[in-house]
């Protein structure tokens, strides 16, 4: 669009530059419409194509945490490490498919320390044992229910345990 420099050094477009671009685009559009109107034509058709950049995507593992419940956990450092590792490795829908020995090896912790942390996390209802182990979705969840298949939604429901100390955070 003309000789207008539209990008900052970092490739972004500043507010003033955006306004100048809008004005120039509006002027050119108005000029084109006026040209069309001055000609004797029965039908006028105007097409405007707007190209947007691709949406930004999250490249690493992520989870959604609920601060109100997480703040009440009072975890020791080993328990916290185990929680973060589980959150990184668990499946969407909060199913935990990990062996304690794998956790110990990957975190370079003693197996007995991981076993103690595991028992504490079950006692605090962070981990839920329903035949399978689930991470309680009232603390953290991996994946939104709107984007999960039926099986993973059922897993989320099985992982959703609340009581007088754990506030219900997901309405499943």
C-alpha atoms as a PDB file:
ATOM      1  CA  UNK A   1       0.000   0.000   0.000  1.00  0.00           C
ATOM      2  CA  UNK A   2       1.981   2.953  -1.264  1.00  0.00           C
ATOM      3  CA  UNK A   3       5.321   3.719   0.286  1.00  0.00           C
ATOM      4  CA  UNK A   4       4.010   3.342   3.825  1.00  0.00           C
ATOM      5  CA  UNK A   5       6.326   1.394   6.161  1.00  0.00           C
ATOM      6  CA  UNK A   6       3.869  -0.786   8.095  1.00  0.00           C
ATOM      7  CA  UNK A   7       6.018  -3.024  10.280  1.00  0.00           C
ATOM      8  CA  UNK A   8       8.044  -2.266  13.390  1.00  0.00           C
ATOM      9  CA  UNK A   9      11.510  -3.771  13.749  1.00  0.00           C
ATOM     10  CA  UNK A  10       9.981  -6.811  15.448  1.00  0.00           C
ATOM     11  CA  UNK A  11       7.482  -7.361  12.630  1.00  0.00           C
ATOM     12  CA  UNK A  12       4.471  -6.040  14.578  1.00  0.00           C
ATOM     13  CA  UNK A  13       2.184  -3.269  13.426  1.00  0.00           C
ATOM     14  CA  UNK A  14       1.784  -0.271  15.742  1.00  0.00           C
ATOM     15  CA  UNK A  15      -1.507   1.495  16.512  1.00  0.00           C
ATOM     16  CA  UNK A  16      -0.682   4.581  14.427  1.00  0.00           C
ATOM     17  CA  UNK A  17       0.388   2.380  11.541  1.00  0.00           C
ATOM     18  CA  UNK A  18      -2.882   0.434  11.784  1.00  0.00           C
ATOM     19  CA  UNK A  19      -4.885   3.672  11.641  1.00  0.00           C
ATOM     20  CA  UNK A  20      -2.921   4.883   8.604  1.00  0.00           C
ATOM     21  CA  UNK A  21      -3.483   1.543   6.874  1.00  0.00           C
ATOM     22  CA  UNK A  22      -7.215   1.688   7.651  1.00  0.00           C
ATOM     23  CA  UNK A  23      -7.444   5.219   6.255  1.00  0.00           C
ATOM     24  CA  UNK A  24      -5.532   4.288   3.108  1.00  0.00           C
ATOM     25  CA  UNK A  25      -7.683   1.167   2.618  1.00  0.00           C
ATOM     26  CA  UNK A  26     -10.886   3.167   3.175  1.00  0.00           C
ATOM     27  CA  UNK A  27      -9.719   5.842   0.715  1.00  0.00           C
ATOM     28  CA  UNK A  28      -8.876   3.253  -1.950  1.00  0.00           C
ATOM     29  CA  UNK A  29     -12.183   1.428  -1.393  1.00  0.00           C
ATOM     30  CA  UNK A  30     -14.131   4.691  -1.618  1.00  0.00           C
ATOM     31  CA  UNK A  31     -12.229   5.643  -4.773  1.00  0.00           C
ATOM     32  CA  UNK A  32     -12.992   2.249  -6.357  1.00  0.00           C
ATOM     33  CA  UNK A  33     -16.693   2.481  -5.450  1.00  0.00           C
ATOM     34  CA  UNK A  34     -16.887   6.026  -6.841  1.00  0.00           C
ATOM     35  CA  UNK A  35     -15.261   4.813 -10.070  1.00  0.00           C
ATOM     36  CA  UNK A  36     -17.853   2.051 -10.315  1.00  0.00           C
ATOM     37  CA  UNK A  37     -20.735   4.411  -9.594  1.00  0.00           C
ATOM     38  CA  UNK A  38     -19.599   6.901 -12.213  1.00  0.00           C
ATOM     39  CA  UNK A  39     -19.793   4.199 -14.877  1.00  0.00           C
ATOM     40  CA  UNK A  40     -23.194   3.244 -16.159  1.00  0.00           C
ATOM     41  CA  UNK A  41     -23.575  -0.333 -14.958  1.00  0.00           C
ATOM     42  CA  UNK A  42     -26.631  -2.159 -13.742  1.00  0.00           C
ATOM     43  CA  UNK A  43     -24.922  -4.418 -11.186  1.00  0.00           C
ATOM     44  CA  UNK A  44     -22.159  -3.480  -8.798  1.00  0.00           C
ATOM     45  CA  UNK A  45     -20.265  -6.159  -6.949  1.00  0.00           C
ATOM     46  CA  UNK A  46     -17.509  -5.497  -4.430  1.00  0.00           C
ATOM     47  CA  UNK A  47     -15.392  -8.299  -2.971  1.00  0.00           C
ATOM     48  CA  UNK A  48     -13.081  -7.724  -0.032  1.00  0.00           C
ATOM     49  CA  UNK A  49     -10.673 -10.455   1.013  1.00  0.00           C
ATOM     50  CA  UNK A  50      -9.003 -10.168   4.386  1.00  0.00           C
ATOM     51  CA  UNK A  51      -6.089 -12.477   5.069  1.00  0.00           C
ATOM     52  CA  UNK A  52      -5.371 -13.143   8.711  1.00  0.00           C
ATOM     53  CA  UNK A  53      -2.336 -14.784  10.200  1.00  0.00           C
ATOM     54  CA  UNK A  54      -2.689 -18.358  11.362  1.00  0.00           C
ATOM     55  CA  UNK A  55      -3.909 -18.620  14.950  1.00  0.00           C
ATOM     56  CA  UNK A  56      -1.261 -18.972  17.619  1.00  0.00           C
ATOM     57  CA  UNK A  57      -1.023 -22.456  19.080  1.00  0.00           C
ATOM     58  CA  UNK A  58       0.400 -23.786  22.307  1.00  0.00           C
ATOM     59  CA  UNK A  59       3.452 -25.879  21.532  1.00  0.00           C
ATOM     60  CA  UNK A  60       4.123 -27.469  24.932  1.00  0.00           C
ATOM     61  CA  UNK A  61       2.177 -29.577  27.410  1.00  0.00           C
ATOM     62  CA  UNK A  62      -0.412 -27.551  29.308  1.00  0.00           C
ATOM     63  CA  UNK A  63      -3.197 -27.990  31.832  1.00  0.00           C
ATOM     64  CA  UNK A  64      -5.887 -25.840  33.384  1.00  0.00           C
ATOM     65  CA  UNK A  65      -5.459 -25.347  37.125  1.00  0.00           C
ATOM     66  CA  UNK A  66      -7.987 -24.128  39.678  1.00  0.00           C
ATOM     67  CA  UNK A  67      -6.139 -21.883  42.132  1.00  0.00           C
ATOM     68  CA  UNK A  68      -8.780 -21.981  44.864  1.00  0.00           C
ATOM     69  CA  UNK A  69      -8.349 -25.741  45.365  1.00  0.00           C
ATOM     70  CA  UNK A  70      -4.627 -25.875  44.541  1.00  0.00           C
ATOM     71  CA  UNK A  71      -3.795 -23.330  47.245  1.00  0.00           C
ATOM     72  CA  UNK A  72      -5.250 -25.633  49.906  1.00  0.00           C
ATOM     73  CA  UNK A  73      -3.024 -28.599  49.042  1.00  0.00           C
ATOM     74  CA  UNK A  74       0.045 -27.712  51.155  1.00  0.00           C
ATOM     75  CA  UNK A  75       2.316 -30.080  49.223  1.00  0.00           C
ATOM     76  CA  UNK A  76       5.877 -30.986  50.132  1.00  0.00           C
ATOM     77  CA  UNK A  77       8.520 -30.511  47.393  1.00  0.00           C
ATOM     78  CA  UNK A  78       8.564 -34.189  46.362  1.00  0.00           C
ATOM     79  CA  UNK A  79       4.752 -34.313  46.209  1.00  0.00           C
ATOM     80  CA  UNK A  80       4.738 -31.132  44.125  1.00  0.00           C
ATOM     81  CA  UNK A  81       7.313 -32.578  41.691  1.00  0.00           C
ATOM     82  CA  UNK A  82       5.234 -35.731  41.324  1.00  0.00           C
ATOM     83  CA  UNK A  83       2.076 -33.659  40.690  1.00  0.00           C
ATOM     84  CA  UNK A  84       3.750 -31.580  37.977  1.00  0.00           C
ATOM     85  CA  UNK A  85       5.200 -34.694  36.339  1.00  0.00           C
ATOM     86  CA  UNK A  86       1.786 -36.389  36.366  1.00  0.00           C
ATOM     87  CA  UNK A  87       0.171 -33.285  34.853  1.00  0.00           C
ATOM     88  CA  UNK A  88       2.769 -33.279  32.102  1.00  0.00           C
ATOM     89  CA  UNK A  89       2.339 -36.966  31.288  1.00  0.00           C
ATOM     90  CA  UNK A  90      -1.369 -37.690  31.912  1.00  0.00           C
ATOM     91  CA  UNK A  91      -3.845 -38.207  29.100  1.00  0.00           C
ATOM     92  CA  UNK A  92      -6.555 -35.758  28.113  1.00  0.00           C
ATOM     93  CA  UNK A  93      -9.491 -36.534  30.368  1.00  0.00           C
ATOM     94  CA  UNK A  94      -7.177 -36.822  33.425  1.00  0.00           C
ATOM     95  CA  UNK A  95      -6.410 -40.547  33.171  1.00  0.00           C
ATOM     96  CA  UNK A  96      -3.018 -41.264  34.773  1.00  0.00           C
ATOM     97  CA  UNK A  97      -1.273 -44.164  33.029  1.00  0.00           C
ATOM     98  CA  UNK A  98       2.057 -44.065  34.853  1.00  0.00           C
ATOM     99  CA  UNK A  99       4.025 -46.427  37.015  1.00  0.00           C
ATOM    100  CA  UNK A 100       5.555 -45.081  40.188  1.00  0.00           C
ATOM    101  CA  UNK A 101       8.896 -46.597  39.167  1.00  0.00           C
ATOM    102  CA  UNK A 102       8.819 -44.590  35.917  1.00  0.00           C
ATOM    103  CA  UNK A 103       8.118 -41.396  37.847  1.00  0.00           C
ATOM    104  CA  UNK A 104      10.986 -42.158  40.244  1.00  0.00           C
ATOM    105  CA  UNK A 105      13.396 -42.869  37.386  1.00  0.00           C
ATOM    106  CA  UNK A 106      12.431 -39.800  35.323  1.00  0.00           C
ATOM    107  CA  UNK A 107      12.524 -37.437  38.320  1.00  0.00           C
ATOM    108  CA  UNK A 108      15.644 -39.093  39.778  1.00  0.00           C
ATOM    109  CA  UNK A 109      13.838 -39.748  43.057  1.00  0.00           C
ATOM    110  CA  UNK A 110      13.898 -42.755  45.344  1.00  0.00           C
ATOM    111  CA  UNK A 111      11.025 -45.177  44.640  1.00  0.00           C
ATOM    112  CA  UNK A 112       9.957 -45.065  48.294  1.00  0.00           C
ATOM    113  CA  UNK A 113       9.733 -41.241  48.168  1.00  0.00           C
ATOM    114  CA  UNK A 114       7.481 -41.439  45.112  1.00  0.00           C
ATOM    115  CA  UNK A 115       5.381 -44.145  46.806  1.00  0.00           C
ATOM    116  CA  UNK A 116       4.924 -41.939  49.902  1.00  0.00           C
ATOM    117  CA  UNK A 117       3.993 -38.952  47.719  1.00  0.00           C
ATOM    118  CA  UNK A 118       1.540 -41.140  45.769  1.00  0.00           C
ATOM    119  CA  UNK A 119      -0.192 -42.230  48.994  1.00  0.00           C
ATOM    120  CA  UNK A 120      -0.402 -38.615  50.225  1.00  0.00           C
ATOM    121  CA  UNK A 121      -1.888 -37.502  46.890  1.00  0.00           C
ATOM    122  CA  UNK A 122      -4.524 -40.247  47.123  1.00  0.00           C
ATOM    123  CA  UNK A 123      -5.279 -39.297  50.754  1.00  0.00           C
ATOM    124  CA  UNK A 124      -5.670 -35.629  49.742  1.00  0.00           C
ATOM    125  CA  UNK A 125      -7.935 -36.729  46.849  1.00  0.00           C
ATOM    126  CA  UNK A 126      -5.594 -35.248  44.257  1.00  0.00           C
ATOM    127  CA  UNK A 127      -5.335 -38.718  42.749  1.00  0.00           C
ATOM    128  CA  UNK A 128      -8.579 -40.685  42.525  1.00  0.00           C
ATOM    129  CA  UNK A 129      -8.496 -44.491  42.450  1.00  0.00           C
ATOM    130  CA  UNK A 130     -11.627 -45.737  40.630  1.00  0.00           C
ATOM    131  CA  UNK A 131     -10.135 -48.944  39.280  1.00  0.00           C
ATOM    132  CA  UNK A 132      -7.843 -46.635  37.296  1.00  0.00           C
ATOM    133  CA  UNK A 133      -5.938 -43.656  38.658  1.00  0.00           C
ATOM    134  CA  UNK A 134      -7.294 -40.225  37.719  1.00  0.00           C
ATOM    135  CA  UNK A 135      -6.047 -36.744  38.544  1.00  0.00           C
ATOM    136  CA  UNK A 136      -8.894 -34.919  40.324  1.00  0.00           C
ATOM    137  CA  UNK A 137     -10.304 -32.470  37.778  1.00  0.00           C
ATOM    138  CA  UNK A 138     -11.268 -30.063  40.559  1.00  0.00           C
ATOM    139  CA  UNK A 139      -7.550 -29.282  40.947  1.00  0.00           C
ATOM    140  CA  UNK A 140      -6.404 -29.416  37.328  1.00  0.00           C
ATOM    141  CA  UNK A 141      -7.702 -30.704  34.045  1.00  0.00           C
ATOM    142  CA  UNK A 142      -6.062 -31.552  30.774  1.00  0.00           C
ATOM    143  CA  UNK A 143      -8.370 -30.708  27.914  1.00  0.00           C
ATOM    144  CA  UNK A 144     -11.717 -28.946  27.832  1.00  0.00           C
ATOM    145  CA  UNK A 145     -14.821 -31.120  27.894  1.00  0.00           C
ATOM    146  CA  UNK A 146     -16.101 -29.378  24.758  1.00  0.00           C
ATOM    147  CA  UNK A 147     -13.155 -30.729  22.751  1.00  0.00           C
ATOM    148  CA  UNK A 148     -12.962 -34.276  24.179  1.00  0.00           C
ATOM    149  CA  UNK A 149     -14.497 -37.480  22.857  1.00  0.00           C
ATOM    150  CA  UNK A 150     -17.086 -39.423  24.919  1.00  0.00           C
ATOM    151  CA  UNK A 151     -14.526 -41.741  26.539  1.00  0.00           C
ATOM    152  CA  UNK A 152     -12.356 -38.862  27.743  1.00  0.00           C
ATOM    153  CA  UNK A 153     -15.415 -36.976  29.037  1.00  0.00           C
ATOM    154  CA  UNK A 154     -16.355 -40.081  31.032  1.00  0.00           C
ATOM    155  CA  UNK A 155     -12.805 -40.134  32.416  1.00  0.00           C
ATOM    156  CA  UNK A 156     -13.181 -36.479  33.417  1.00  0.00           C
ATOM    157  CA  UNK A 157     -16.438 -37.323  35.197  1.00  0.00           C
ATOM    158  CA  UNK A 158     -14.743 -40.184  37.072  1.00  0.00           C
ATOM    159  CA  UNK A 159     -11.959 -37.813  38.107  1.00  0.00           C
ATOM    160  CA  UNK A 160     -14.340 -35.156  39.419  1.00  0.00           C
ATOM    161  CA  UNK A 161     -14.421 -35.606  43.211  1.00  0.00           C
ATOM    162  CA  UNK A 162     -15.388 -32.802  45.568  1.00  0.00           C
ATOM    163  CA  UNK A 163     -16.145 -32.547  49.277  1.00  0.00           C
ATOM    164  CA  UNK A 164     -16.236 -29.894  52.022  1.00  0.00           C
ATOM    165  CA  UNK A 165     -12.532 -29.091  51.346  1.00  0.00           C
ATOM    166  CA  UNK A 166     -12.465 -29.471  47.559  1.00  0.00           C
ATOM    167  CA  UNK A 167     -14.741 -27.079  45.708  1.00  0.00           C
ATOM    168  CA  UNK A 168     -16.408 -28.395  42.521  1.00  0.00           C
ATOM    169  CA  UNK A 169     -14.835 -26.541  39.595  1.00  0.00           C
ATOM    170  CA  UNK A 170     -16.183 -28.374  36.543  1.00  0.00           C
ATOM    171  CA  UNK A 171     -19.856 -28.772  35.776  1.00  0.00           C
ATOM    172  CA  UNK A 172     -19.864 -32.084  33.933  1.00  0.00           C
END
